[in-house]
């Protein structure tokens, strides 16, 4: 079997038909859903990274720290 043949035999599965219920990945996915992602989102809000997308954004407190990659963090 060549690589090209292997590619043709693969068919995509809709994400709605995928579940993780094993003892390794399922708990990690649940922790990400309940804890990690909400925490990271709150940190993006708290540090002004989400607000920086507002056209009228003004830095609330002057800072000597320049976040040169701040706009890529939410991505």
N, C-alpha and C. Protein backbone atom coordinates (compact mmCIF):
# COMPACT_ATOMS: atom_id res chain seq x y z
N UNK A 1 0.84 -1.17 0.00
CA UNK A 1 0.00 0.00 0.00
C UNK A 1 0.90 1.24 0.00
N UNK A 2 0.64 2.15 -0.90
CA UNK A 2 1.41 3.39 -0.96
C UNK A 2 0.77 4.44 -0.08
N UNK A 3 1.49 5.50 0.13
CA UNK A 3 0.95 6.60 0.93
C UNK A 3 -0.28 7.19 0.27
N UNK A 4 -0.23 7.33 -1.04
CA UNK A 4 -1.38 7.89 -1.77
C UNK A 4 -2.62 7.00 -1.61
N UNK A 5 -2.44 5.70 -1.65
CA UNK A 5 -3.56 4.77 -1.46
C UNK A 5 -4.11 4.89 -0.04
N UNK A 6 -3.24 5.01 0.93
CA UNK A 6 -3.68 5.15 2.32
C UNK A 6 -4.49 6.42 2.51
N UNK A 7 -4.11 7.49 1.87
CA UNK A 7 -4.85 8.75 2.00
C UNK A 7 -6.26 8.62 1.44
N UNK A 8 -6.39 7.91 0.35
CA UNK A 8 -7.70 7.77 -0.27
C UNK A 8 -8.64 6.93 0.57
N UNK A 9 -8.12 6.05 1.40
CA UNK A 9 -8.97 5.16 2.19
C UNK A 9 -9.48 5.84 3.46
N UNK A 10 -8.93 6.96 3.84
CA UNK A 10 -9.35 7.65 5.04
C UNK A 10 -10.60 8.48 4.75
N UNK A 11 -11.53 8.45 5.65
CA UNK A 11 -12.72 9.28 5.52
C UNK A 11 -12.89 10.08 6.80
N UNK A 12 -13.24 11.34 6.68
CA UNK A 12 -13.40 12.16 7.88
C UNK A 12 -14.62 11.72 8.69
N UNK A 13 -14.53 11.94 9.99
CA UNK A 13 -15.63 11.63 10.90
C UNK A 13 -16.12 12.95 11.47
N UNK A 14 -17.42 13.21 11.44
CA UNK A 14 -17.93 14.45 12.04
C UNK A 14 -17.59 14.50 13.54
N UNK A 15 -17.18 15.66 14.01
CA UNK A 15 -16.78 15.77 15.42
C UNK A 15 -17.93 15.43 16.36
N UNK A 16 -19.17 15.57 15.90
CA UNK A 16 -20.31 15.23 16.75
C UNK A 16 -20.42 13.74 17.00
N UNK A 17 -19.70 12.93 16.22
CA UNK A 17 -19.71 11.49 16.42
C UNK A 17 -18.50 10.99 17.19
N UNK A 18 -17.71 11.91 17.71
CA UNK A 18 -16.49 11.53 18.43
C UNK A 18 -16.71 11.76 19.93
N UNK A 19 -16.44 10.73 20.72
CA UNK A 19 -16.49 10.88 22.18
C UNK A 19 -15.22 10.27 22.77
N UNK A 20 -14.80 10.85 23.86
CA UNK A 20 -13.65 10.32 24.59
C UNK A 20 -14.18 9.81 25.92
N UNK A 21 -14.13 8.51 26.11
CA UNK A 21 -14.62 7.95 27.37
C UNK A 21 -13.64 6.94 27.97
N UNK A 22 -12.38 7.07 27.58
CA UNK A 22 -11.36 6.18 28.10
C UNK A 22 -10.79 6.75 29.41
N UNK A 23 -10.05 5.97 30.17
CA UNK A 23 -9.53 6.46 31.45
C UNK A 23 -8.36 7.43 31.33
N UNK A 24 -7.79 7.60 30.14
CA UNK A 24 -6.66 8.52 29.99
C UNK A 24 -7.11 9.89 29.48
N UNK A 25 -7.73 9.95 28.30
CA UNK A 25 -8.06 11.24 27.69
C UNK A 25 -9.33 11.87 28.24
N UNK A 26 -10.32 11.08 28.59
CA UNK A 26 -11.59 11.65 29.05
C UNK A 26 -11.43 12.57 30.27
N UNK A 27 -10.69 12.17 31.31
CA UNK A 27 -10.53 13.08 32.45
C UNK A 27 -9.78 14.36 32.08
N UNK A 28 -8.82 14.25 31.19
CA UNK A 28 -8.07 15.44 30.77
C UNK A 28 -8.95 16.39 29.98
N UNK A 29 -9.79 15.85 29.13
CA UNK A 29 -10.71 16.68 28.37
C UNK A 29 -11.69 17.39 29.32
N UNK A 30 -12.17 16.68 30.31
CA UNK A 30 -13.10 17.26 31.26
C UNK A 30 -12.43 18.37 32.08
N UNK A 31 -11.20 18.17 32.51
CA UNK A 31 -10.47 19.20 33.25
C UNK A 31 -10.27 20.43 32.37
N UNK A 32 -9.92 20.22 31.10
CA UNK A 32 -9.77 21.36 30.19
C UNK A 32 -11.09 22.12 30.05
N UNK A 33 -12.19 21.38 29.90
CA UNK A 33 -13.49 22.01 29.70
C UNK A 33 -13.94 22.79 30.95
N UNK A 34 -13.77 22.19 32.12
CA UNK A 34 -14.28 22.81 33.34
C UNK A 34 -13.34 23.83 33.97
N UNK A 35 -12.01 23.61 33.85
CA UNK A 35 -11.06 24.41 34.62
C UNK A 35 -10.10 25.20 33.73
N UNK A 36 -9.35 24.52 32.90
CA UNK A 36 -8.25 25.16 32.17
C UNK A 36 -8.73 26.24 31.20
N UNK A 37 -9.69 25.91 30.35
CA UNK A 37 -10.13 26.88 29.34
C UNK A 37 -10.82 28.08 29.97
N UNK A 38 -11.75 27.90 30.93
CA UNK A 38 -12.32 29.09 31.59
C UNK A 38 -11.26 29.95 32.28
N UNK A 39 -10.26 29.31 32.91
CA UNK A 39 -9.21 30.07 33.58
C UNK A 39 -8.39 30.87 32.57
N UNK A 40 -8.01 30.22 31.47
CA UNK A 40 -7.22 30.93 30.45
C UNK A 40 -8.02 32.09 29.86
N UNK A 41 -9.31 31.88 29.63
CA UNK A 41 -10.14 32.95 29.08
C UNK A 41 -10.21 34.12 30.07
N UNK A 42 -10.38 33.82 31.34
CA UNK A 42 -10.43 34.89 32.35
C UNK A 42 -9.11 35.65 32.41
N UNK A 43 -8.00 34.94 32.28
CA UNK A 43 -6.69 35.60 32.27
C UNK A 43 -6.55 36.52 31.05
N UNK A 44 -7.07 36.11 29.90
CA UNK A 44 -7.04 36.96 28.71
C UNK A 44 -7.84 38.24 28.95
N UNK A 45 -8.95 38.12 29.65
CA UNK A 45 -9.76 39.30 29.98
C UNK A 45 -9.01 40.17 31.00
N UNK A 46 -8.51 39.55 32.07
CA UNK A 46 -7.85 40.29 33.15
C UNK A 46 -6.61 41.04 32.67
N UNK A 47 -5.89 40.48 31.72
CA UNK A 47 -4.66 41.12 31.25
C UNK A 47 -4.89 42.05 30.07
N UNK A 48 -6.15 42.22 29.66
CA UNK A 48 -6.48 43.18 28.61
C UNK A 48 -6.28 42.67 27.19
N UNK A 49 -6.01 41.41 27.03
CA UNK A 49 -5.77 40.90 25.68
C UNK A 49 -7.04 40.84 24.85
N UNK A 50 -8.17 40.51 25.46
CA UNK A 50 -9.43 40.52 24.73
C UNK A 50 -9.85 41.96 24.45
N UNK A 51 -9.71 42.82 25.45
CA UNK A 51 -10.08 44.23 25.29
C UNK A 51 -9.25 44.94 24.24
N UNK A 52 -8.04 44.45 23.97
CA UNK A 52 -7.17 45.08 22.98
C UNK A 52 -7.75 45.02 21.58
N UNK A 53 -8.72 44.15 21.35
CA UNK A 53 -9.35 44.08 20.04
C UNK A 53 -10.41 45.16 19.86
N UNK A 54 -10.80 45.81 20.96
CA UNK A 54 -11.75 46.92 20.88
C UNK A 54 -11.05 48.11 20.24
N UNK A 55 -11.69 48.73 19.27
CA UNK A 55 -11.06 49.85 18.56
C UNK A 55 -10.80 51.04 19.48
N UNK A 56 -11.56 51.16 20.57
CA UNK A 56 -11.38 52.27 21.50
C UNK A 56 -10.56 51.86 22.72
N UNK A 57 -9.79 50.80 22.63
CA UNK A 57 -9.03 50.26 23.76
C UNK A 57 -7.99 51.26 24.24
N UNK A 58 -7.94 51.43 25.56
CA UNK A 58 -6.88 52.20 26.21
C UNK A 58 -6.34 51.36 27.35
N UNK A 59 -5.02 51.30 27.43
CA UNK A 59 -4.40 50.54 28.51
C UNK A 59 -4.82 51.17 29.84
N UNK A 60 -5.43 50.37 30.76
CA UNK A 60 -5.95 50.93 32.01
C UNK A 60 -4.87 51.47 32.94
N UNK A 61 -3.71 50.85 32.98
CA UNK A 61 -2.64 51.29 33.86
C UNK A 61 -1.36 51.39 33.04
N UNK A 62 -0.70 52.53 33.08
CA UNK A 62 0.57 52.63 32.34
C UNK A 62 1.55 51.56 32.81
N UNK A 63 2.26 50.96 31.88
CA UNK A 63 3.17 49.89 32.23
C UNK A 63 4.44 50.00 31.39
N UNK A 64 5.55 49.64 32.00
CA UNK A 64 6.80 49.63 31.25
C UNK A 64 6.98 48.32 30.49
N UNK A 65 6.09 47.37 30.77
CA UNK A 65 6.16 46.08 30.09
C UNK A 65 5.39 46.18 28.78
N UNK A 66 6.07 45.86 27.70
CA UNK A 66 5.43 45.89 26.39
C UNK A 66 5.11 44.46 25.98
N UNK A 67 3.84 44.21 25.71
CA UNK A 67 3.40 42.88 25.30
C UNK A 67 3.35 42.85 23.77
N UNK A 68 4.49 42.53 23.16
CA UNK A 68 4.54 42.62 21.71
C UNK A 68 3.74 41.52 21.02
N UNK A 69 3.44 40.43 21.74
CA UNK A 69 2.66 39.36 21.14
C UNK A 69 1.29 39.25 21.79
N UNK A 70 0.85 40.27 22.47
CA UNK A 70 -0.42 40.23 23.19
C UNK A 70 -1.62 39.96 22.31
N UNK A 71 -1.58 40.40 21.06
CA UNK A 71 -2.74 40.20 20.20
C UNK A 71 -2.83 38.78 19.66
N UNK A 72 -1.75 38.01 19.76
CA UNK A 72 -1.80 36.63 19.26
C UNK A 72 -2.21 35.65 20.36
N UNK A 73 -2.21 36.07 21.62
CA UNK A 73 -2.55 35.15 22.71
C UNK A 73 -3.98 34.61 22.61
N UNK A 74 -4.98 35.42 22.27
CA UNK A 74 -6.34 34.87 22.16
C UNK A 74 -6.50 33.91 21.00
N UNK A 75 -5.61 33.95 20.04
CA UNK A 75 -5.78 33.12 18.84
C UNK A 75 -5.59 31.70 19.10
